Amino acid sequence: MMMQAMSERPQDAVEEADPQWFREPTPREHWIAAALFVGFGVFFVLLFFVTYGFWFRWVTLGLGLYSVVHGLRHAHDARRSPRL
């Protein structure tokens, strides 16, 4: 009974993405994301050296490198996006 009520929708309901809710990040938001990703990446790379002899250190190195690369991509996007 409950499933049937939830599946019924009015015909005039149009689902569209609200441009204020789902917008492109501003350059400032890209710079913030770049700083966070690079900061966490450096932390994970340093954690790789601290956990010498532990097998999981390779996972932290991979996470650190991926995070730094992703942060650099955010910095690149911040430089090429238009100023708002």
PDB file of N, CA and C in Angstrom:
ATOM      1  N   MET A   1       0.819  -1.187   0.000  1.00  0.00           N
ATOM      2  CA  MET A   1       0.000   0.000   0.000  1.00  0.00           C
ATOM      3  C   MET A   1       0.867   1.256   0.000  1.00  0.00           C
ATOM      4  N   MET A   2       1.899   1.271   0.851  1.00  0.00           N
ATOM      5  CA  MET A   2       2.762   2.439   0.949  1.00  0.00           C
ATOM      6  C   MET A   2       3.582   2.613  -0.330  1.00  0.00           C
ATOM      7  N   MET A   3       4.014   1.529  -0.938  1.00  0.00           N
ATOM      8  CA  MET A   3       4.803   1.620  -2.159  1.00  0.00           C
ATOM      9  C   MET A   3       3.972   2.191  -3.305  1.00  0.00           C
ATOM     10  N   GLN A   4       2.739   1.843  -3.372  1.00  0.00           N
ATOM     11  CA  GLN A   4       1.889   2.342  -4.432  1.00  0.00           C
ATOM     12  C   GLN A   4       1.690   3.847  -4.301  1.00  0.00           C
ATOM     13  N   ALA A   5       1.538   4.353  -3.096  1.00  0.00           N
ATOM     14  CA  ALA A   5       1.326   5.780  -2.887  1.00  0.00           C
ATOM     15  C   ALA A   5       2.580   6.575  -3.226  1.00  0.00           C
ATOM     16  N   MET A   6       3.739   6.015  -2.959  1.00  0.00           N
ATOM     17  CA  MET A   6       4.981   6.726  -3.242  1.00  0.00           C
ATOM     18  C   MET A   6       5.296   6.759  -4.732  1.00  0.00           C
ATOM     19  N   SER A   7       4.886   5.743  -5.469  1.00  0.00           N
ATOM     20  CA  SER A   7       5.223   5.682  -6.884  1.00  0.00           C
ATOM     21  C   SER A   7       4.332   6.576  -7.742  1.00  0.00           C
ATOM     22  N   GLU A   8       3.172   6.966  -7.234  1.00  0.00           N
ATOM     23  CA  GLU A   8       2.279   7.830  -7.994  1.00  0.00           C
ATOM     24  C   GLU A   8       2.762   9.272  -7.903  1.00  0.00           C
ATOM     25  N   ARG A   9       2.884   9.894  -9.053  1.00  0.00           N
ATOM     26  CA  ARG A   9       3.311  11.296  -9.105  1.00  0.00           C
ATOM     27  C   ARG A   9       2.345  12.075  -9.981  1.00  0.00           C
ATOM     28  N   PRO A  10       2.157  13.324  -9.659  1.00  0.00           N
ATOM     29  CA  PRO A  10       1.301  14.143 -10.524  1.00  0.00           C
ATOM     30  C   PRO A  10       1.959  14.319 -11.893  1.00  0.00           C
ATOM     31  N   GLN A  11       1.152  14.429 -12.908  1.00  0.00           N
ATOM     32  CA  GLN A  11       1.653  14.535 -14.274  1.00  0.00           C
ATOM     33  C   GLN A  11       2.372  15.859 -14.524  1.00  0.00           C
ATOM     34  N   ASP A  12       2.012  16.915 -13.797  1.00  0.00           N
ATOM     35  CA  ASP A  12       2.607  18.221 -14.059  1.00  0.00           C
ATOM     36  C   ASP A  12       3.910  18.456 -13.277  1.00  0.00           C
ATOM     37  N   ALA A  13       4.343  17.479 -12.503  1.00  0.00           N
ATOM     38  CA  ALA A  13       5.594  17.640 -11.741  1.00  0.00           C
ATOM     39  C   ALA A  13       6.780  17.454 -12.686  1.00  0.00           C
ATOM     40  N   VAL A  14       7.550  18.502 -12.820  1.00  0.00           N
ATOM     41  CA  VAL A  14       8.718  18.461 -13.696  1.00  0.00           C
ATOM     42  C   VAL A  14       9.959  18.500 -12.808  1.00  0.00           C
ATOM     43  N   GLU A  15      10.835  17.512 -13.008  1.00  0.00           N
ATOM     44  CA  GLU A  15      12.059  17.470 -12.210  1.00  0.00           C
ATOM     45  C   GLU A  15      13.192  18.086 -13.014  1.00  0.00           C
ATOM     46  N   GLU A  16      13.619  19.239 -12.604  1.00  0.00           N
ATOM     47  CA  GLU A  16      14.743  19.905 -13.238  1.00  0.00           C
ATOM     48  C   GLU A  16      15.731  20.310 -12.168  1.00  0.00           C
ATOM     49  N   ALA A  17      16.981  20.341 -12.539  1.00  0.00           N
ATOM     50  CA  ALA A  17      18.009  20.756 -11.596  1.00  0.00           C
ATOM     51  C   ALA A  17      17.950  22.259 -11.401  1.00  0.00           C
ATOM     52  N   ASP A  18      17.914  22.661 -10.173  1.00  0.00           N
ATOM     53  CA  ASP A  18      17.905  24.080  -9.846  1.00  0.00           C
ATOM     54  C   ASP A  18      19.311  24.637 -10.070  1.00  0.00           C
ATOM     55  N   PRO A  19      19.480  25.636 -10.925  1.00  0.00           N
ATOM     56  CA  PRO A  19      20.824  26.127 -11.228  1.00  0.00           C
ATOM     57  C   PRO A  19      21.536  26.740 -10.022  1.00  0.00           C
ATOM     58  N   GLN A  20      20.804  27.191  -9.021  1.00  0.00           N
ATOM     59  CA  GLN A  20      21.455  27.723  -7.823  1.00  0.00           C
ATOM     60  C   GLN A  20      21.946  26.599  -6.915  1.00  0.00           C
ATOM     61  N   TRP A  21      21.309  25.453  -6.971  1.00  0.00           N
ATOM     62  CA  TRP A  21      21.680  24.316  -6.151  1.00  0.00           C
ATOM     63  C   TRP A  21      22.824  23.557  -6.799  1.00  0.00           C
ATOM     64  N   PHE A  22      22.732  23.316  -8.090  1.00  0.00           N
ATOM     65  CA  PHE A  22      23.700  22.517  -8.827  1.00  0.00           C
ATOM     66  C   PHE A  22      24.425  23.410  -9.832  1.00  0.00           C
ATOM     67  N   ARG A  23      25.414  24.109  -9.361  1.00  0.00           N
ATOM     68  CA  ARG A  23      26.155  25.020 -10.223  1.00  0.00           C
ATOM     69  C   ARG A  23      27.615  24.587 -10.260  1.00  0.00           C
ATOM     70  N   GLU A  24      28.348  25.184 -11.163  1.00  0.00           N
ATOM     71  CA  GLU A  24      29.788  24.926 -11.232  1.00  0.00           C
ATOM     72  C   GLU A  24      30.479  25.576 -10.040  1.00  0.00           C
ATOM     73  N   PRO A  25      31.524  24.959  -9.509  1.00  0.00           N
ATOM     74  CA  PRO A  25      32.236  25.585  -8.392  1.00  0.00           C
ATOM     75  C   PRO A  25      32.916  26.879  -8.828  1.00  0.00           C
ATOM     76  N   THR A  26      32.968  27.836  -7.925  1.00  0.00           N
ATOM     77  CA  THR A  26      33.656  29.095  -8.202  1.00  0.00           C
ATOM     78  C   THR A  26      35.165  28.867  -8.098  1.00  0.00           C
ATOM     79  N   PRO A  27      35.976  29.786  -8.632  1.00  0.00           N
ATOM     80  CA  PRO A  27      37.432  29.633  -8.489  1.00  0.00           C
ATOM     81  C   PRO A  27      37.869  29.565  -7.026  1.00  0.00           C
ATOM     82  N   ARG A  28      37.210  30.333  -6.170  1.00  0.00           N
ATOM     83  CA  ARG A  28      37.556  30.279  -4.743  1.00  0.00           C
ATOM     84  C   ARG A  28      37.316  28.892  -4.169  1.00  0.00           C
ATOM     85  N   GLU A  29      36.195  28.264  -4.536  1.00  0.00           N
ATOM     86  CA  GLU A  29      35.893  26.916  -4.058  1.00  0.00           C
ATOM     87  C   GLU A  29      36.894  25.904  -4.609  1.00  0.00           C
ATOM     88  N   HIS A  30      37.340  26.106  -5.853  1.00  0.00           N
ATOM     89  CA  HIS A  30      38.375  25.233  -6.410  1.00  0.00           C
ATOM     90  C   HIS A  30      39.681  25.365  -5.623  1.00  0.00           C
ATOM     91  N   TRP A  31      40.044  26.609  -5.251  1.00  0.00           N
ATOM     92  CA  TRP A  31      41.285  26.809  -4.482  1.00  0.00           C
ATOM     93  C   TRP A  31      41.180  26.172  -3.102  1.00  0.00           C
ATOM     94  N   ILE A  32      40.016  26.266  -2.484  1.00  0.00           N
ATOM     95  CA  ILE A  32      39.815  25.632  -1.178  1.00  0.00           C
ATOM     96  C   ILE A  32      39.952  24.122  -1.305  1.00  0.00           C
ATOM     97  N   ALA A  33      39.320  23.550  -2.322  1.00  0.00           N
ATOM     98  CA  ALA A  33      39.418  22.110  -2.534  1.00  0.00           C
ATOM     99  C   ALA A  33      40.857  21.696  -2.841  1.00  0.00           C
ATOM    100  N   ALA A  34      41.572  22.503  -3.628  1.00  0.00           N
ATOM    101  CA  ALA A  34      42.961  22.188  -3.950  1.00  0.00           C
ATOM    102  C   ALA A  34      43.804  22.164  -2.681  1.00  0.00           C
ATOM    103  N   ALA A  35      43.623  23.157  -1.810  1.00  0.00           N
ATOM    104  CA  ALA A  35      44.400  23.199  -0.569  1.00  0.00           C
ATOM    105  C   ALA A  35      44.097  22.000   0.323  1.00  0.00           C
ATOM    106  N   LEU A  36      42.827  21.641   0.423  1.00  0.00           N
ATOM    107  CA  LEU A  36      42.461  20.495   1.255  1.00  0.00           C
ATOM    108  C   LEU A  36      43.020  19.189   0.701  1.00  0.00           C
ATOM    109  N   PHE A  37      42.860  18.965  -0.599  1.00  0.00           N
ATOM    110  CA  PHE A  37      43.343  17.719  -1.190  1.00  0.00           C
ATOM    111  C   PHE A  37      44.863  17.613  -1.116  1.00  0.00           C
ATOM    112  N   VAL A  38      45.566  18.688  -1.410  1.00  0.00           N
ATOM    113  CA  VAL A  38      47.029  18.639  -1.347  1.00  0.00           C
ATOM    114  C   VAL A  38      47.479  18.474   0.102  1.00  0.00           C
ATOM    115  N   GLY A  39      46.829  19.162   1.030  1.00  0.00           N
ATOM    116  CA  GLY A  39      47.179  19.019   2.442  1.00  0.00           C
ATOM    117  C   GLY A  39      47.000  17.600   2.946  1.00  0.00           C
ATOM    118  N   PHE A  40      45.858  17.002   2.628  1.00  0.00           N
ATOM    119  CA  PHE A  40      45.643  15.615   3.037  1.00  0.00           C
ATOM    120  C   PHE A  40      46.596  14.672   2.313  1.00  0.00           C
ATOM    121  N   GLY A  41      46.908  14.980   1.072  1.00  0.00           N
ATOM    122  CA  GLY A  41      47.858  14.146   0.329  1.00  0.00           C
ATOM    123  C   GLY A  41      49.230  14.159   0.961  1.00  0.00           C
ATOM    124  N   VAL A  42      49.688  15.335   1.360  1.00  0.00           N
ATOM    125  CA  VAL A  42      50.988  15.430   2.032  1.00  0.00           C
ATOM    126  C   VAL A  42      50.942  14.671   3.357  1.00  0.00           C
ATOM    127  N   PHE A  43      49.842  14.777   4.073  1.00  0.00           N
ATOM    128  CA  PHE A  43      49.697  14.029   5.321  1.00  0.00           C
ATOM    129  C   PHE A  43      49.815  12.528   5.076  1.00  0.00           C
ATOM    130  N   PHE A  44      49.132  12.018   4.055  1.00  0.00           N
ATOM    131  CA  PHE A  44      49.188  10.586   3.783  1.00  0.00           C
ATOM    132  C   PHE A  44      50.574  10.147   3.328  1.00  0.00           C
ATOM    133  N   VAL A  45      51.262  10.966   2.560  1.00  0.00           N
ATOM    134  CA  VAL A  45      52.621  10.617   2.142  1.00  0.00           C
ATOM    135  C   VAL A  45      53.548  10.586   3.360  1.00  0.00           C
ATOM    136  N   LEU A  46      53.400  11.545   4.269  1.00  0.00           N
ATOM    137  CA  LEU A  46      54.201  11.518   5.492  1.00  0.00           C
ATOM    138  C   LEU A  46      53.843  10.312   6.360  1.00  0.00           C
ATOM    139  N   LEU A  47      52.586   9.952   6.367  1.00  0.00           N
ATOM    140  CA  LEU A  47      52.159   8.769   7.109  1.00  0.00           C
ATOM    141  C   LEU A  47      52.791   7.503   6.531  1.00  0.00           C
ATOM    142  N   PHE A  48      53.054   7.504   5.243  1.00  0.00           N
ATOM    143  CA  PHE A  48      53.742   6.380   4.602  1.00  0.00           C
ATOM    144  C   PHE A  48      55.109   6.152   5.249  1.00  0.00           C
ATOM    145  N   PHE A  49      55.830   7.227   5.547  1.00  0.00           N
ATOM    146  CA  PHE A  49      57.157   7.090   6.153  1.00  0.00           C
ATOM    147  C   PHE A  49      57.078   6.711   7.627  1.00  0.00           C
ATOM    148  N   VAL A  50      56.031   7.140   8.301  1.00  0.00           N
ATOM    149  CA  VAL A  50      55.883   6.844   9.722  1.00  0.00           C
ATOM    150  C   VAL A  50      55.540   5.367   9.936  1.00  0.00           C
ATOM    151  N   THR A  51      54.791   4.783   9.046  1.00  0.00           N
ATOM    152  CA  THR A  51      54.331   3.396   9.222  1.00  0.00           C
ATOM    153  C   THR A  51      55.270   2.402   8.543  1.00  0.00           C
ATOM    154  N   TYR A  52      56.556   2.595   8.691  1.00  0.00           N
ATOM    155  CA  TYR A  52      57.551   1.708   8.091  1.00  0.00           C
ATOM    156  C   TYR A  52      57.369   0.283   8.624  1.00  0.00           C
ATOM    157  N   GLY A  53      57.365  -0.686   7.717  1.00  0.00           N
ATOM    158  CA  GLY A  53      57.227  -2.086   8.100  1.00  0.00           C
ATOM    159  C   GLY A  53      55.797  -2.590   8.143  1.00  0.00           C
ATOM    160  N   PHE A  54      54.843  -1.728   7.918  1.00  0.00           N
ATOM    161  CA  PHE A  54      53.433  -2.116   7.958  1.00  0.00           C
ATOM    162  C   PHE A  54      52.923  -2.179   6.525  1.00  0.00           C
ATOM    163  N   TRP A  55      52.249  -3.250   6.146  1.00  0.00           N
ATOM    164  CA  TRP A  55      51.838  -3.440   4.752  1.00  0.00           C
ATOM    165  C   TRP A  55      50.864  -2.369   4.278  1.00  0.00           C
ATOM    166  N   PHE A  56      50.094  -1.810   5.190  1.00  0.00           N
ATOM    167  CA  PHE A  56      49.071  -0.841   4.799  1.00  0.00           C
ATOM    168  C   PHE A  56      49.676   0.492   4.368  1.00  0.00           C
ATOM    169  N   ARG A  57      50.967   0.671   4.598  1.00  0.00           N
ATOM    170  CA  ARG A  57      51.601   1.938   4.222  1.00  0.00           C
ATOM    171  C   ARG A  57      51.521   2.197   2.726  1.00  0.00           C
ATOM    172  N   TRP A  58      51.475   1.142   1.927  1.00  0.00           N
ATOM    173  CA  TRP A  58      51.386   1.317   0.480  1.00  0.00           C
ATOM    174  C   TRP A  58      50.028   1.866   0.073  1.00  0.00           C
ATOM    175  N   VAL A  59      49.014   1.522   0.834  1.00  0.00           N
ATOM    176  CA  VAL A  59      47.679   2.069   0.571  1.00  0.00           C
ATOM    177  C   VAL A  59      47.674   3.568   0.887  1.00  0.00           C
ATOM    178  N   THR A  60      48.319   3.948   2.001  1.00  0.00           N
ATOM    179  CA  THR A  60      48.358   5.369   2.346  1.00  0.00           C
ATOM    180  C   THR A  60      49.181   6.153   1.329  1.00  0.00           C
ATOM    181  N   LEU A  61      50.231   5.552   0.796  1.00  0.00           N
ATOM    182  CA  LEU A  61      51.000   6.242  -0.248  1.00  0.00           C
ATOM    183  C   LEU A  61      50.142   6.451  -1.491  1.00  0.00           C
ATOM    184  N   GLY A  62      49.392   5.440  -1.884  1.00  0.00           N
ATOM    185  CA  GLY A  62      48.505   5.579  -3.041  1.00  0.00           C
ATOM    186  C   GLY A  62      47.442   6.637  -2.816  1.00  0.00           C
ATOM    187  N   LEU A  63      46.842   6.642  -1.627  1.00  0.00           N
ATOM    188  CA  LEU A  63      45.839   7.673  -1.314  1.00  0.00           C
ATOM    189  C   LEU A  63      46.459   9.060  -1.328  1.00  0.00           C
ATOM    190  N   GLY A  64      47.665   9.165  -0.805  1.00  0.00           N
ATOM    191  CA  GLY A  64      48.330  10.461  -0.776  1.00  0.00           C
ATOM    192  C   GLY A  64      48.637  10.982  -2.161  1.00  0.00           C
ATOM    193  N   LEU A  65      49.167  10.125  -3.013  1.00  0.00           N
ATOM    194  CA  LEU A  65      49.497  10.560  -4.369  1.00  0.00           C
ATOM    195  C   LEU A  65      48.247  10.905  -5.162  1.00  0.00           C
ATOM    196  N   TYR A  66      47.206  10.089  -5.012  1.00  0.00           N
ATOM    197  CA  TYR A  66      45.949  10.376  -5.705  1.00  0.00           C
ATOM    198  C   TYR A  66      45.368  11.707  -5.228  1.00  0.00           C
ATOM    199  N   SER A  67      45.442  11.953  -3.924  1.00  0.00           N
ATOM    200  CA  SER A  67      44.898  13.181  -3.380  1.00  0.00           C
ATOM    201  C   SER A  67      45.656  14.401  -3.885  1.00  0.00           C
ATOM    202  N   VAL A  68      46.981  14.302  -3.964  1.00  0.00           N
ATOM    203  CA  VAL A  68      47.773  15.425  -4.474  1.00  0.00           C
ATOM    204  C   VAL A  68      47.432  15.690  -5.939  1.00  0.00           C
ATOM    205  N   VAL A  69      47.322  14.638  -6.740  1.00  0.00           N
ATOM    206  CA  VAL A  69      46.987  14.816  -8.158  1.00  0.00           C
ATOM    207  C   VAL A  69      45.603  15.451  -8.299  1.00  0.00           C
ATOM    208  N   HIS A  70      44.654  14.997  -7.499  1.00  0.00           N
ATOM    209  CA  HIS A  70      43.305  15.558  -7.565  1.00  0.00           C
ATOM    210  C   HIS A  70      43.310  17.026  -7.123  1.00  0.00           C
ATOM    211  N   GLY A  71      44.104  17.353  -6.120  1.00  0.00           N
ATOM    212  CA  GLY A  71      44.218  18.741  -5.682  1.00  0.00           C
ATOM    213  C   GLY A  71      44.839  19.623  -6.746  1.00  0.00           C
ATOM    214  N   LEU A  72      45.838  19.115  -7.446  1.00  0.00           N
ATOM    215  CA  LEU A  72      46.451  19.883  -8.528  1.00  0.00           C
ATOM    216  C   LEU A  72      45.471  20.094  -9.676  1.00  0.00           C
ATOM    217  N   ARG A  73      44.600  19.115  -9.898  1.00  0.00           N
ATOM    218  CA  ARG A  73      43.564  19.286 -10.915  1.00  0.00           C
ATOM    219  C   ARG A  73      42.585  20.395 -10.521  1.00  0.00           C
ATOM    220  N   HIS A  74      42.261  20.471  -9.225  1.00  0.00           N
ATOM    221  CA  HIS A  74      41.394  21.565  -8.758  1.00  0.00           C
ATOM    222  C   HIS A  74      42.084  22.912  -8.952  1.00  0.00           C
ATOM    223  N   ALA A  75      43.375  22.967  -8.679  1.00  0.00           N
ATOM    224  CA  ALA A  75      44.104  24.227  -8.864  1.00  0.00           C
ATOM    225  C   ALA A  75      44.122  24.619 -10.340  1.00  0.00           C
ATOM    226  N   HIS A  76      44.278  23.641 -11.211  1.00  0.00           N
ATOM    227  CA  HIS A  76      44.248  23.918 -12.652  1.00  0.00           C
ATOM    228  C   HIS A  76      42.879  24.431 -13.068  1.00  0.00           C
ATOM    229  N   ASP A  77      41.821  23.814 -12.560  1.00  0.00           N
ATOM    230  CA  ASP A  77      40.465  24.265 -12.885  1.00  0.00           C
ATOM    231  C   ASP A  77      40.194  25.660 -12.339  1.00  0.00           C
ATOM    232  N   ALA A  78      40.767  25.983 -11.187  1.00  0.00           N
ATOM    233  CA  ALA A  78      40.560  27.314 -10.604  1.00  0.00           C
ATOM    234  C   ALA A  78      41.215  28.384 -11.465  1.00  0.00           C
ATOM    235  N   ARG A  79      42.341  28.061 -12.045  1.00  0.00           N
ATOM    236  CA  ARG A  79      43.037  29.065 -12.880  1.00  0.00           C
ATOM    237  C   ARG A  79      42.335  29.279 -14.206  1.00  0.00           C
ATOM    238  N   ARG A  80      41.695  28.227 -14.753  1.00  0.00           N
ATOM    239  CA  ARG A  80      41.080  28.424 -16.060  1.00  0.00           C
ATOM    240  C   ARG A  80      39.608  28.798 -15.993  1.00  0.00           C
ATOM    241  N   SER A  81      38.971  28.682 -14.834  1.00  0.00           N
ATOM    242  CA  SER A  81      37.547  29.047 -14.769  1.00  0.00           C
ATOM    243  C   SER A  81      37.401  30.570 -14.743  1.00  0.00           C
ATOM    244  N   PRO A  82      36.304  31.065 -15.310  1.00  0.00           N
ATOM    245  CA  PRO A  82      36.099  32.513 -15.343  1.00  0.00           C
ATOM    246  C   PRO A  82      35.865  33.069 -13.954  1.00  0.00           C
ATOM    247  N   ARG A  83      36.288  34.281 -13.744  1.00  0.00           N
ATOM    248  CA  ARG A  83      36.084  34.957 -12.449  1.00  0.00           C
ATOM    249  C   ARG A  83      34.629  35.377 -12.333  1.00  0.00           C
ATOM    250  N   LEU A  84      34.068  35.146 -11.161  1.00  0.00           N
ATOM    251  CA  LEU A  84      32.669  35.524 -10.943  1.00  0.00           C
ATOM    252  C   LEU A  84      32.553  36.710 -10.041  1.00  0.00           C
TER     253      LEU A  84
END
